[in-house]
N, C-alpha and C. Protein backbone atom coordinates (compact mmCIF):
# COMPACT_ATOMS: atom_id res chain seq x y z
N MET A 1 0.90 -1.49 0.30
CA MET A 1 -0.12 0.30 -0.14
C MET A 1 0.88 1.16 0.32
N SER A 2 0.47 2.11 -0.97
CA SER A 2 1.51 3.60 -1.27
C SER A 2 1.61 4.62 0.28
N THR A 3 1.76 5.34 0.53
CA THR A 3 1.66 6.67 1.23
C THR A 3 0.40 7.33 0.51
N PRO A 4 -0.23 7.85 1.40
CA PRO A 4 -0.84 9.12 0.60
C PRO A 4 -0.01 10.52 -0.80
N GLY A 5 -0.92 10.54 -1.85
CA GLY A 5 -0.91 11.00 -2.73
C GLY A 5 0.67 10.73 -3.60
N GLY A 6 1.01 8.77 -3.06
CA GLY A 6 1.92 8.26 -3.84
C GLY A 6 0.91 7.41 -5.14
N ASN A 7 1.82 6.62 -6.22
CA ASN A 7 1.21 5.42 -6.57
C ASN A 7 0.33 4.71 -5.70
N PHE A 8 -1.05 4.39 -6.15
CA PHE A 8 -1.58 3.45 -5.00
C PHE A 8 -1.61 1.87 -5.33
N PHE A 9 -2.14 1.77 -7.06
CA PHE A 9 -1.76 0.07 -7.68
C PHE A 9 -0.44 -0.30 -8.09
N GLY A 10 0.89 0.31 -8.50
CA GLY A 10 1.44 -0.12 -8.66
C GLY A 10 2.05 1.51 -9.37
N PRO A 11 3.64 0.70 -9.91
CA PRO A 11 4.39 1.55 -10.90
C PRO A 11 3.60 2.26 -12.39
N GLY A 12 4.09 3.67 -12.22
CA GLY A 12 3.53 4.31 -13.35
C GLY A 12 1.76 4.44 -13.18
N VAL A 13 1.21 4.40 -12.00
CA VAL A 13 -0.48 4.62 -11.89
C VAL A 13 -0.11 5.43 -10.86
N SER A 14 -0.43 7.13 -11.74
CA SER A 14 -0.97 8.06 -10.47
C SER A 14 -2.05 7.94 -9.11
N ALA A 15 -1.70 8.88 -8.42
CA ALA A 15 -2.79 8.94 -7.33
C ALA A 15 -3.96 9.81 -7.78
N GLU A 16 -3.81 10.29 -9.12
CA GLU A 16 -5.53 10.85 -10.03
C GLU A 16 -6.17 9.75 -10.40
N VAL A 17 -5.34 8.75 -10.82
CA VAL A 17 -5.87 8.05 -11.77
C VAL A 17 -6.71 6.35 -10.76
N SER A 18 -5.59 6.27 -9.86
CA SER A 18 -6.37 5.93 -8.88
C SER A 18 -7.08 5.95 -7.95
N LEU A 19 -7.32 7.61 -8.30
CA LEU A 19 -8.58 7.95 -7.27
C LEU A 19 -9.78 7.90 -8.40
N GLN A 20 -9.36 7.69 -9.92
CA GLN A 20 -10.81 7.75 -10.77
C GLN A 20 -11.36 6.59 -10.68
N VAL A 21 -10.27 5.46 -10.55
CA VAL A 21 -10.68 4.06 -11.04
C VAL A 21 -11.44 3.80 -9.56
N LEU A 22 -11.23 4.28 -8.40
CA LEU A 22 -12.15 3.66 -7.29
C LEU A 22 -13.61 4.81 -7.21
N LEU A 23 -13.63 5.72 -7.41
CA LEU A 23 -14.69 6.45 -7.34
C LEU A 23 -15.68 5.72 -8.65
N GLU A 24 -15.01 5.43 -9.78
CA GLU A 24 -15.92 4.72 -10.74
C GLU A 24 -16.55 3.56 -9.76
N GLU A 25 -15.74 2.55 -9.43
CA GLU A 25 -16.30 1.57 -8.39
C GLU A 25 -17.44 2.15 -7.01
N TYR A 26 -16.82 2.84 -7.36
CA TYR A 26 -18.00 3.60 -5.67
C TYR A 26 -18.99 3.57 -6.04
N ARG A 27 -19.25 5.26 -7.17
CA ARG A 27 -20.13 4.85 -7.84
C ARG A 27 -21.36 3.36 -8.45
N ALA A 28 -20.36 2.67 -9.15
CA ALA A 28 -20.86 1.04 -9.60
C ALA A 28 -22.07 0.44 -8.35
N MET A 29 -20.35 0.46 -6.92
CA MET A 29 -20.96 -0.29 -5.85
C MET A 29 -22.74 0.61 -5.46
N ASN A 30 -22.57 1.80 -5.48
CA ASN A 30 -23.51 2.67 -4.95
C ASN A 30 -25.15 2.28 -5.56
N ALA A 31 -24.96 1.54 -7.08
CA ALA A 31 -25.92 1.72 -7.97
C ALA A 31 -26.47 -0.09 -7.74
N LEU A 32 -25.24 -0.92 -7.36
CA LEU A 32 -25.66 -2.26 -6.93
C LEU A 32 -26.14 -2.47 -5.45
N LEU A 33 -26.60 -1.28 -4.67
CA LEU A 33 -26.69 -0.87 -3.68
C LEU A 33 -28.66 -0.53 -3.89
N LEU A 34 -28.44 0.51 -4.74
CA LEU A 34 -29.38 0.96 -4.59
C LEU A 34 -30.35 -0.40 -5.33
N PHE A 35 -30.09 -1.01 -5.91
CA PHE A 35 -30.73 -2.47 -6.46
C PHE A 35 -31.14 -3.03 -5.90
N ARG A 36 -30.17 -3.47 -4.50
CA ARG A 36 -30.83 -4.40 -3.82
C ARG A 36 -31.43 -3.36 -2.76
N LEU A 37 -31.55 -2.83 -2.54
CA LEU A 37 -32.45 -2.13 -1.40
C LEU A 37 -33.91 -1.90 -2.04
N LEU A 38 -34.19 -1.68 -3.52
CA LEU A 38 -35.33 -1.88 -3.95
C LEU A 38 -35.67 -2.79 -4.25
N ALA A 39 -34.93 -4.44 -4.39
CA ALA A 39 -35.67 -5.62 -4.41
C ALA A 39 -36.44 -5.76 -2.39
N ILE A 40 -35.38 -5.12 -2.34
CA ILE A 40 -35.80 -5.72 -0.63
C ILE A 40 -37.20 -4.51 -0.63
N ASP A 41 -37.27 -3.67 -0.69
CA ASP A 41 -38.44 -2.41 -0.46
C ASP A 41 -39.72 -3.12 -1.52
N ARG A 42 -39.28 -3.15 -2.32
CA ARG A 42 -40.64 -3.74 -3.25
C ARG A 42 -41.02 -4.57 -3.67
N ARG A 43 -39.52 -5.71 -4.26
CA ARG A 43 -40.46 -6.71 -4.86
C ARG A 43 -40.86 -7.89 -3.76
N LEU A 44 -39.60 -7.89 -2.38
CA LEU A 44 -40.74 -8.98 -1.61
C LEU A 44 -41.89 -8.13 -0.86
N PRO A 45 -42.31 -7.67 -0.43
CA PRO A 45 -43.74 -7.56 -0.77
C PRO A 45 -44.54 -7.68 -1.18
N LEU A 46 -44.67 -7.02 -2.64
CA LEU A 46 -45.75 -7.48 -3.33
C LEU A 46 -45.92 -9.28 -3.31
N ALA A 47 -44.13 -9.88 -3.15
CA ALA A 47 -44.60 -10.93 -3.19
C ALA A 47 -45.30 -11.79 -1.79
N GLY A 48 -44.81 -10.68 -0.83
CA GLY A 48 -45.56 -11.28 0.39
C GLY A 48 -47.38 -10.57 0.66
N SER A 49 -46.99 -10.10 -0.27
CA SER A 49 -48.93 -9.59 -0.60
C SER A 49 -50.01 -10.35 -1.47
N LEU A 50 -48.83 -10.77 -2.45
CA LEU A 50 -49.22 -12.75 -3.14
C LEU A 50 -49.76 -14.02 -2.72
N LEU A 51 -48.91 -13.80 -1.24
CA LEU A 51 -49.49 -15.18 -0.52
C LEU A 51 -49.73 -15.25 0.69
N THR A 52 -49.91 -13.57 1.04
CA THR A 52 -50.94 -13.53 1.98
C THR A 52 -52.51 -13.68 1.01
N GLY A 53 -52.88 -13.00 0.16
CA GLY A 53 -54.13 -13.01 -0.72
C GLY A 53 -54.61 -14.54 -1.09
N SER A 54 -53.31 -15.33 -1.46
CA SER A 54 -53.45 -16.63 -1.23
C SER A 54 -54.15 -17.27 -0.33
N LEU A 55 -53.47 -17.54 0.45
CA LEU A 55 -53.87 -17.81 1.82
C LEU A 55 -55.54 -17.34 2.47
N ALA A 56 -55.40 -16.32 2.51
CA ALA A 56 -56.61 -15.45 2.59
C ALA A 56 -57.92 -16.30 1.48
N ALA A 57 -57.83 -16.11 0.31
CA ALA A 57 -58.91 -17.02 -0.77
C ALA A 57 -59.10 -18.46 -0.75
N ILE A 58 -58.17 -19.52 0.19
CA ILE A 58 -58.55 -20.90 0.30
C ILE A 58 -59.80 -21.35 0.41
N PRO A 59 -60.60 -20.86 1.37
CA PRO A 59 -62.17 -20.62 1.78
C PRO A 59 -62.84 -20.98 0.75
N THR A 60 -62.62 -19.41 -0.18
CA THR A 60 -63.58 -19.64 -1.34
C THR A 60 -62.99 -20.42 -2.81
N LEU A 61 -62.04 -21.14 -2.23
CA LEU A 61 -62.15 -21.67 -3.69
C LEU A 61 -62.67 -22.83 -4.00
N PRO A 62 -62.52 -23.89 -4.93
CA PRO A 62 -62.87 -25.31 -5.09
C PRO A 62 -62.22 -26.16 -4.69
N PRO A 63 -62.14 -27.37 -3.86
CA PRO A 63 -61.19 -28.05 -3.28
C PRO A 63 -59.23 -28.43 -3.53
N MET A 64 -59.90 -28.82 -4.95
CA MET A 64 -58.98 -28.89 -5.55
C MET A 64 -57.69 -27.52 -5.74
N ALA A 65 -58.30 -26.36 -6.29
CA ALA A 65 -57.62 -25.56 -6.23
C ALA A 65 -56.76 -24.75 -4.62
N ALA A 66 -57.88 -25.36 -3.82
CA ALA A 66 -57.33 -24.80 -2.59
C ALA A 66 -56.41 -25.68 -2.08
N SER A 67 -56.24 -26.79 -2.33
CA SER A 67 -55.28 -28.22 -1.70
C SER A 67 -54.06 -28.03 -2.65
N VAL A 68 -53.96 -26.87 -4.03
CA VAL A 68 -52.84 -26.72 -4.36
C VAL A 68 -52.59 -25.84 -3.80
N ILE A 69 -53.32 -24.40 -3.43
CA ILE A 69 -52.34 -23.22 -2.87
C ILE A 69 -51.73 -23.60 -1.91
N LEU A 70 -52.61 -24.55 -0.92
CA LEU A 70 -52.28 -24.79 -0.08
C LEU A 70 -51.03 -25.63 0.62
N TRP A 71 -50.84 -25.94 -0.29
CA TRP A 71 -49.50 -26.77 -0.28
C TRP A 71 -48.02 -26.00 -1.01
N ALA A 72 -48.78 -25.12 -2.02
CA ALA A 72 -47.55 -23.99 -2.50
C ALA A 72 -47.13 -22.52 -1.32
N VAL A 73 -48.09 -22.56 -0.40
CA VAL A 73 -47.70 -21.61 0.75
C VAL A 73 -46.60 -22.08 1.64
N PRO A 74 -46.20 -22.87 1.65
CA PRO A 74 -45.22 -23.10 2.61
C PRO A 74 -43.93 -23.09 1.82
N ALA A 75 -43.88 -23.40 1.10
CA ALA A 75 -42.61 -23.54 0.06
C ALA A 75 -42.23 -22.04 -0.17
N GLY A 76 -43.56 -21.37 -0.60
CA GLY A 76 -43.46 -19.66 -1.07
C GLY A 76 -42.91 -19.41 0.22
N ALA A 77 -43.08 -19.36 1.14
CA ALA A 77 -42.20 -19.04 2.79
C ALA A 77 -41.10 -18.71 2.72
N VAL A 78 -40.99 -19.87 2.31
CA VAL A 78 -39.44 -20.31 2.50
C VAL A 78 -38.35 -19.33 1.81
N TRP A 79 -39.24 -19.40 0.55
CA TRP A 79 -38.67 -19.01 -0.85
C TRP A 79 -38.26 -17.12 -0.72
N LEU A 80 -38.98 -16.70 -0.15
CA LEU A 80 -39.72 -15.43 0.28
C LEU A 80 -38.32 -14.55 0.93
N VAL A 81 -38.35 -15.93 2.40
CA VAL A 81 -37.26 -15.47 3.13
C VAL A 81 -35.65 -15.46 2.75
N ALA A 82 -35.66 -17.44 1.97
CA ALA A 82 -34.50 -16.78 1.10
C ALA A 82 -33.81 -15.80 0.27
N ASN A 83 -34.78 -15.31 -0.26
CA ASN A 83 -34.68 -14.46 -1.32
C ASN A 83 -34.56 -12.89 -0.70
N ALA A 84 -34.90 -12.82 0.51
CA ALA A 84 -34.65 -11.42 1.48
C ALA A 84 -33.21 -11.93 1.65
N VAL A 85 -33.19 -12.77 2.52
CA VAL A 85 -31.23 -13.11 3.32
C VAL A 85 -30.18 -13.28 1.77
N ALA A 86 -30.34 -13.83 0.86
CA ALA A 86 -29.17 -13.18 -0.64
C ALA A 86 -29.25 -12.12 -0.95
N HIS A 87 -30.33 -11.59 -0.85
CA HIS A 87 -30.47 -9.93 -1.11
C HIS A 87 -29.64 -9.08 -0.02
N ALA A 88 -30.06 -9.55 1.52
CA ALA A 88 -29.16 -8.54 2.88
C ALA A 88 -27.99 -9.04 2.56
N ARG A 89 -27.68 -10.27 2.32
CA ARG A 89 -26.21 -10.97 2.41
C ARG A 89 -25.64 -10.34 0.99
N SER A 90 -25.75 -9.55 -0.18
CA SER A 90 -25.61 -8.83 -1.01
C SER A 90 -25.18 -7.49 -0.87
N LYS A 91 -26.14 -6.90 -0.12
CA LYS A 91 -26.32 -5.28 0.23
C LYS A 91 -24.94 -5.14 1.59
N GLU A 92 -24.87 -6.56 2.24
CA GLU A 92 -23.93 -6.18 3.30
C GLU A 92 -22.54 -5.66 2.65
N ASP A 93 -22.09 -7.04 1.72
CA ASP A 93 -21.13 -6.70 0.70
C ASP A 93 -21.02 -5.44 0.33
N HIS A 94 -21.92 -4.86 0.05
CA HIS A 94 -21.97 -3.93 -1.04
C HIS A 94 -21.38 -2.91 0.07
N LEU A 95 -22.16 -2.70 1.31
CA LEU A 95 -21.79 -1.87 2.38
C LEU A 95 -20.40 -1.98 2.68
N HIS A 96 -19.48 -2.99 2.89
CA HIS A 96 -18.40 -2.82 3.38
C HIS A 96 -17.57 -2.32 2.10
N ARG A 97 -17.80 -3.26 1.19
CA ARG A 97 -17.16 -2.54 0.16
C ARG A 97 -17.19 -0.87 -0.22
N ILE A 98 -18.22 -0.43 -0.23
CA ILE A 98 -18.52 0.91 0.08
C ILE A 98 -17.37 1.48 1.10
N ALA A 99 -17.02 1.44 2.40
CA ALA A 99 -16.17 1.89 2.71
C ALA A 99 -15.10 1.59 2.90
N GLU A 100 -14.99 0.58 2.04
CA GLU A 100 -13.55 0.00 2.13
C GLU A 100 -12.87 1.08 1.43
N LEU A 101 -13.76 0.96 0.32
CA LEU A 101 -13.39 2.39 -1.03
C LEU A 101 -13.06 3.64 -0.71
N GLU A 102 -13.90 3.91 0.76
CA GLU A 102 -13.68 5.53 1.11
C GLU A 102 -12.42 5.83 2.05
N GLU A 103 -12.42 4.55 2.45
CA GLU A 103 -11.01 4.37 3.19
C GLU A 103 -9.69 4.55 2.63
N LEU A 104 -10.14 3.83 1.71
CA LEU A 104 -8.88 4.06 0.39
C LEU A 104 -8.86 5.20 -0.34
N VAL A 105 -9.77 5.79 -0.70
CA VAL A 105 -9.83 7.13 -1.43
C VAL A 105 -8.97 8.33 -0.15
N ASN A 106 -9.83 7.84 1.02
CA ASN A 106 -9.48 9.21 2.20
C ASN A 106 -7.81 8.68 2.29
N ARG A 107 -7.00 7.63 2.01
CA ARG A 107 -5.60 7.23 2.17
C ARG A 107 -4.82 7.96 1.64
N ILE A 108 -5.48 7.80 0.46
CA ILE A 108 -4.51 8.42 -0.73
C ILE A 108 -4.67 9.99 -1.17
N ALA A 109 -5.81 10.64 -1.00
CA ALA A 109 -6.30 11.75 -0.58
C ALA A 109 -5.66 12.60 1.02
N GLY A 110 -5.50 11.83 1.42
CA GLY A 110 -4.35 11.62 2.95
C GLY A 110 -5.14 12.99 3.67
N GLN A 111 -6.89 13.27 3.69
CA GLN A 111 -7.61 13.71 4.22
C GLN A 111 -8.90 12.84 4.44
N PRO A 112 -9.41 12.77 5.79
CA PRO A 112 -10.99 12.25 5.25
C PRO A 112 -12.13 12.98 4.55
N LEU A 113 -12.50 12.97 2.97
CA LEU A 113 -12.86 13.29 2.12
C LEU A 113 -14.15 13.17 1.85
N MET A 114 -14.44 11.37 2.47
CA MET A 114 -15.53 10.70 2.01
C MET A 114 -15.39 9.42 3.68
N GLN A 115 -16.33 9.86 4.18
CA GLN A 115 -16.99 8.92 5.53
C GLN A 115 -18.08 8.49 5.88
N PHE A 116 -19.15 8.69 5.36
CA PHE A 116 -20.90 8.40 5.50
C PHE A 116 -20.45 7.07 6.32
N GLN A 117 -20.17 5.71 4.94
CA GLN A 117 -20.41 4.53 5.54
C GLN A 117 -19.56 4.17 6.37
N SER A 118 -18.11 4.13 6.23
CA SER A 118 -16.87 3.94 6.56
C SER A 118 -16.86 4.09 8.60
N ARG A 119 -17.24 5.22 8.59
CA ARG A 119 -17.56 5.83 9.91
C ARG A 119 -19.56 5.87 10.30
N HIS A 120 -20.02 4.73 9.90
CA HIS A 120 -21.25 4.88 10.54
C HIS A 120 -21.72 4.06 12.15
N PRO A 121 -22.36 4.40 12.36
CA PRO A 121 -22.82 4.13 13.63
C PRO A 121 -22.99 2.63 13.56
N SER A 122 -23.72 2.46 12.76
CA SER A 122 -24.26 1.33 12.76
C SER A 122 -23.76 0.00 12.05
N ARG A 123 -22.30 1.07 11.37
CA ARG A 123 -21.76 -0.51 10.30
C ARG A 123 -20.49 -1.88 11.02
N GLY A 124 -21.32 -2.88 10.68
CA GLY A 124 -20.71 -3.93 11.48
C GLY A 124 -22.02 -4.89 12.39
N ARG A 125 -22.90 -3.96 12.84
CA ARG A 125 -23.58 -4.33 13.73
C ARG A 125 -25.21 -5.23 13.41
N PHE A 126 -25.50 -4.60 11.79
CA PHE A 126 -26.26 -5.27 11.44
C PHE A 126 -26.47 -5.61 10.05
N VAL A 127 -26.58 -6.91 9.62
CA VAL A 127 -26.25 -7.28 8.37
C VAL A 127 -27.32 -6.25 7.30
N ALA A 128 -26.74 -5.92 6.40
CA ALA A 128 -27.69 -4.89 5.44
C ALA A 128 -27.85 -3.78 6.30
N GLY A 129 -27.04 -2.93 7.34
CA GLY A 129 -27.94 -2.11 7.86
C GLY A 129 -29.28 -2.28 8.44
N ARG A 130 -29.25 -1.27 9.22
CA ARG A 130 -30.98 -0.32 10.06
C ARG A 130 -32.01 -1.53 9.37
N SER A 131 -31.73 -0.94 7.40
CA SER A 131 -33.50 -0.65 7.07
C SER A 131 -33.43 -2.55 7.04
N GLY A 132 -32.12 -2.52 6.43
CA GLY A 132 -31.92 -4.49 6.00
C GLY A 132 -32.79 -4.94 7.04
N GLN A 133 -32.27 -4.99 7.86
CA GLN A 133 -32.29 -5.74 9.33
C GLN A 133 -34.18 -6.08 9.81
N SER A 134 -34.19 -4.66 9.46
CA SER A 134 -35.51 -4.17 10.16
C SER A 134 -36.75 -4.89 8.81
N SER A 135 -36.46 -4.65 7.56
CA SER A 135 -37.11 -5.51 6.12
C SER A 135 -36.85 -7.33 6.34
N LEU A 136 -36.10 -7.98 6.76
CA LEU A 136 -35.79 -8.46 7.51
C LEU A 136 -36.42 -9.77 8.52
N VAL A 137 -36.95 -9.02 9.05
CA VAL A 137 -37.43 -9.45 10.55
C VAL A 137 -38.91 -9.20 10.14
N GLY A 138 -39.32 -8.03 9.90
CA GLY A 138 -40.71 -8.09 8.71
C GLY A 138 -40.94 -9.44 8.18
N VAL A 139 -39.91 -9.63 7.43
CA VAL A 139 -40.19 -11.35 6.29
C VAL A 139 -40.24 -12.55 7.11
N ALA A 140 -39.43 -12.49 8.33
CA ALA A 140 -39.56 -13.32 8.68
C ALA A 140 -40.83 -14.31 9.89
N ALA A 141 -41.44 -12.72 10.25
CA ALA A 141 -42.77 -13.04 11.05
C ALA A 141 -43.84 -12.84 9.76
N ALA A 142 -44.00 -12.52 9.03
CA ALA A 142 -44.59 -12.93 7.97
C ALA A 142 -44.91 -14.32 7.68
N ALA A 143 -43.33 -14.71 6.98
CA ALA A 143 -43.61 -16.04 6.86
C ALA A 143 -44.14 -17.18 7.92
N THR A 144 -43.53 -17.02 9.42
CA THR A 144 -44.37 -17.79 10.71
C THR A 144 -45.68 -17.14 10.14
N ALA A 145 -46.49 -16.30 10.13
CA ALA A 145 -47.48 -16.36 9.96
C ALA A 145 -48.16 -17.26 8.97
N TRP A 146 -47.44 -17.39 7.21
CA TRP A 146 -48.03 -17.50 6.64
C TRP A 146 -47.59 -19.44 6.93
N LEU A 147 -47.16 -19.63 7.53
CA LEU A 147 -47.22 -21.62 8.01
C LEU A 147 -48.01 -21.78 8.83
N VAL A 148 -48.42 -20.76 10.11
CA VAL A 148 -49.05 -20.92 11.04
C VAL A 148 -50.58 -21.15 10.53
N GLY A 149 -50.82 -19.68 9.20
CA GLY A 149 -52.32 -20.03 8.81
C GLY A 149 -52.43 -20.77 7.68
N ALA A 150 -51.35 -21.45 7.28
CA ALA A 150 -51.41 -22.76 6.42
C ALA A 150 -52.05 -23.70 7.20
N THR A 151 -51.04 -24.40 8.48
CA THR A 151 -51.92 -25.15 9.32
C THR A 151 -52.95 -25.29 9.17
N TYR A 152 -53.38 -23.53 9.93
CA TYR A 152 -54.83 -23.47 10.36
C TYR A 152 -55.74 -23.90 9.41
N MET A 153 -55.26 -23.71 8.25
CA MET A 153 -56.21 -23.89 7.31
C MET A 153 -56.59 -25.31 6.58
N ALA A 154 -55.03 -25.72 6.68
CA ALA A 154 -55.14 -27.42 6.23
C ALA A 154 -56.04 -28.36 7.66
N GLY A 155 -56.18 -27.69 9.16
CA GLY A 155 -57.25 -27.91 9.47
C GLY A 155 -58.77 -28.25 9.70
N GLU A 156 -59.13 -26.72 9.25
CA GLU A 156 -60.14 -26.66 9.33
C GLU A 156 -60.76 -26.25 7.43
N SER A 157 -60.58 -25.03 6.63
CA SER A 157 -60.76 -25.06 5.42
C SER A 157 -60.42 -25.89 4.36
N VAL A 158 -59.63 -27.27 3.93
CA VAL A 158 -59.03 -28.01 3.34
C VAL A 158 -59.47 -29.34 3.30
N GLU A 159 -60.48 -29.61 2.94
CA GLU A 159 -60.53 -31.21 2.59
C GLU A 159 -59.41 -32.23 2.46
N LEU A 160 -58.77 -32.69 3.96
CA LEU A 160 -56.97 -33.39 3.38
C LEU A 160 -57.82 -34.98 4.05
N ALA A 161 -56.70 -35.80 3.73
CA ALA A 161 -57.50 -37.00 4.22
C ALA A 161 -55.83 -36.96 5.53
N PRO A 162 -56.18 -38.21 5.93
CA PRO A 162 -55.09 -38.26 7.39
C PRO A 162 -54.27 -38.36 6.95
N ALA A 163 -53.93 -39.47 6.05
CA ALA A 163 -52.39 -39.15 5.85
C ALA A 163 -51.95 -38.32 5.34
N ALA A 164 -52.56 -37.17 4.29
CA ALA A 164 -52.10 -36.06 3.45
C ALA A 164 -51.94 -34.96 5.10
N ARG A 165 -52.42 -35.10 5.97
CA ARG A 165 -52.70 -34.29 7.02
C ARG A 165 -51.07 -34.07 7.93
N CYS A 166 -51.21 -35.32 7.79
CA CYS A 166 -49.79 -35.80 8.69
C CYS A 166 -48.47 -35.31 7.70
N GLY A 167 -48.75 -35.47 6.23
CA GLY A 167 -47.40 -35.14 5.27
C GLY A 167 -47.58 -33.64 5.50
N PHE A 168 -48.70 -33.03 5.75
CA PHE A 168 -48.76 -31.67 4.97
C PHE A 168 -47.87 -30.87 6.61
N ALA A 169 -48.56 -31.72 7.66
CA ALA A 169 -47.72 -31.15 8.96
C ALA A 169 -46.32 -31.39 9.01
N ALA A 170 -45.97 -32.25 8.49
CA ALA A 170 -44.73 -32.60 8.35
C ALA A 170 -44.02 -31.48 7.57
N TYR A 171 -44.23 -31.52 6.39
CA TYR A 171 -44.13 -29.75 5.37
C TYR A 171 -44.03 -28.92 5.96
N VAL A 172 -45.00 -28.52 6.84
CA VAL A 172 -45.23 -27.19 7.34
C VAL A 172 -43.36 -26.72 8.34
N LEU A 173 -43.31 -27.97 9.01
CA LEU A 173 -41.85 -28.14 10.01
C LEU A 173 -41.14 -27.89 9.22
N ALA A 174 -40.95 -29.15 8.62
CA ALA A 174 -39.42 -28.74 7.52
C ALA A 174 -39.24 -27.91 6.59
N ALA A 175 -40.27 -26.50 6.08
CA ALA A 175 -40.36 -25.44 5.95
C ALA A 175 -39.92 -24.46 7.04
N GLY A 176 -40.05 -24.44 8.35
CA GLY A 176 -40.27 -23.64 9.63
C GLY A 176 -38.76 -24.22 10.17
N LEU A 177 -38.22 -25.06 9.44
CA LEU A 177 -36.80 -25.96 10.02
C LEU A 177 -35.77 -24.99 8.64
N MET A 178 -36.55 -24.90 7.87
CA MET A 178 -35.19 -24.52 6.71
C MET A 178 -35.57 -22.88 6.93
N LEU A 179 -36.72 -22.40 7.50
CA LEU A 179 -36.22 -20.72 8.14
C LEU A 179 -35.97 -20.25 8.38
N VAL A 180 -35.50 -21.41 10.14
CA VAL A 180 -34.32 -21.16 10.88
C VAL A 180 -33.26 -21.23 10.78
N PHE A 181 -32.63 -22.08 9.60
CA PHE A 181 -31.53 -22.71 8.92
C PHE A 181 -31.18 -21.55 8.07
N LEU A 182 -31.84 -20.73 7.66
CA LEU A 182 -31.74 -19.46 6.59
C LEU A 182 -31.24 -18.41 7.66
N LEU A 183 -32.03 -17.68 8.43
CA LEU A 183 -31.94 -16.90 9.86
C LEU A 183 -30.36 -17.22 10.72
N HIS A 184 -30.13 -18.52 10.94
CA HIS A 184 -28.69 -18.64 11.30
C HIS A 184 -27.56 -18.67 10.95
N ARG A 185 -27.83 -18.97 8.80
CA ARG A 185 -26.72 -18.88 8.95
C ARG A 185 -26.53 -17.27 8.07
N LEU A 186 -27.56 -16.63 7.73
CA LEU A 186 -27.52 -14.91 7.93
C LEU A 186 -26.47 -14.45 9.21
N HIS A 187 -27.00 -15.09 11.06
CA HIS A 187 -26.43 -14.95 11.75
C HIS A 187 -25.01 -15.09 11.98
N ARG A 188 -24.76 -15.94 11.36
CA ARG A 188 -23.17 -16.49 10.90
C ARG A 188 -22.42 -15.73 10.18
N TYR A 189 -23.19 -15.69 9.41
CA TYR A 189 -22.24 -14.27 8.62
C TYR A 189 -22.45 -13.18 9.06
N GLN A 190 -23.16 -12.33 9.86
CA GLN A 190 -23.35 -11.29 11.18
C GLN A 190 -21.74 -11.47 11.73
N GLY A 191 -21.97 -12.48 12.22
CA GLY A 191 -20.58 -12.81 13.14
C GLY A 191 -19.27 -12.94 12.47
N GLN A 192 -19.02 -13.42 10.96
CA GLN A 192 -17.93 -13.41 10.05
C GLN A 192 -17.47 -11.73 10.01
N ARG A 193 -18.77 -11.02 9.54
CA ARG A 193 -18.74 -9.77 9.11
C ARG A 193 -17.69 -8.75 10.31
N ARG A 194 -18.25 -9.11 11.26
CA ARG A 194 -18.14 -8.71 12.55
C ARG A 194 -16.38 -8.91 12.62
N HIS A 195 -15.45 -9.94 12.15
CA HIS A 195 -14.40 -10.41 12.67
C HIS A 195 -13.94 -9.62 12.15
N TRP A 196 -13.90 -9.60 10.51
CA TRP A 196 -13.59 -9.23 9.27
C TRP A 196 -13.25 -7.86 9.54
N LEU A 197 -14.02 -7.11 10.13
CA LEU A 197 -14.01 -5.49 10.63
C LEU A 197 -13.45 -5.47 11.63
N ASP A 198 -13.18 -5.74 13.18
CA ASP A 198 -12.20 -5.96 13.79
C ASP A 198 -10.78 -6.38 13.23
N SER A 199 -10.47 -7.43 12.65
CA SER A 199 -9.54 -7.92 12.36
C SER A 199 -8.46 -6.83 11.83
């Protein structure tokens, strides 16, 4: 690593060129971050509304259609949480890289020109930041509610054979365990991130 004002990438690369390259990556990372924010804030609620509407419509549907939707709800809940977790991890990667770029630019410039993300008080405390953490909690709570609602519908609104009810109960239990696994993996990822930031 070079001293401030010196060559950063190697011989023949000036500080000005280094800064231009870093700032271009900074812009690209911010654009990707915006994409992740839009994905979490817009697409996931739409998918959640679709699942909620499907679950609420089960009592009014013919038995075959109701049964198909009932079996689709737990898989949809798991998919939604998995999607939210994937976007949260990617957003966390982007935030981490943006903080690194700010520190690199400051090191080359020799003064703290950029510091919003690198000095952010919640840096490293929440995966995907505070807003991402809030969205994840909401998605996980909604997915749990969908699993409970599907279990209730299986017992009250959909005519399932006894063997099918046992199979559905096992299926919902497996979906619930998958939700726990996904959230646990995200928690471990958060721990790894903290370790990297502290090292």
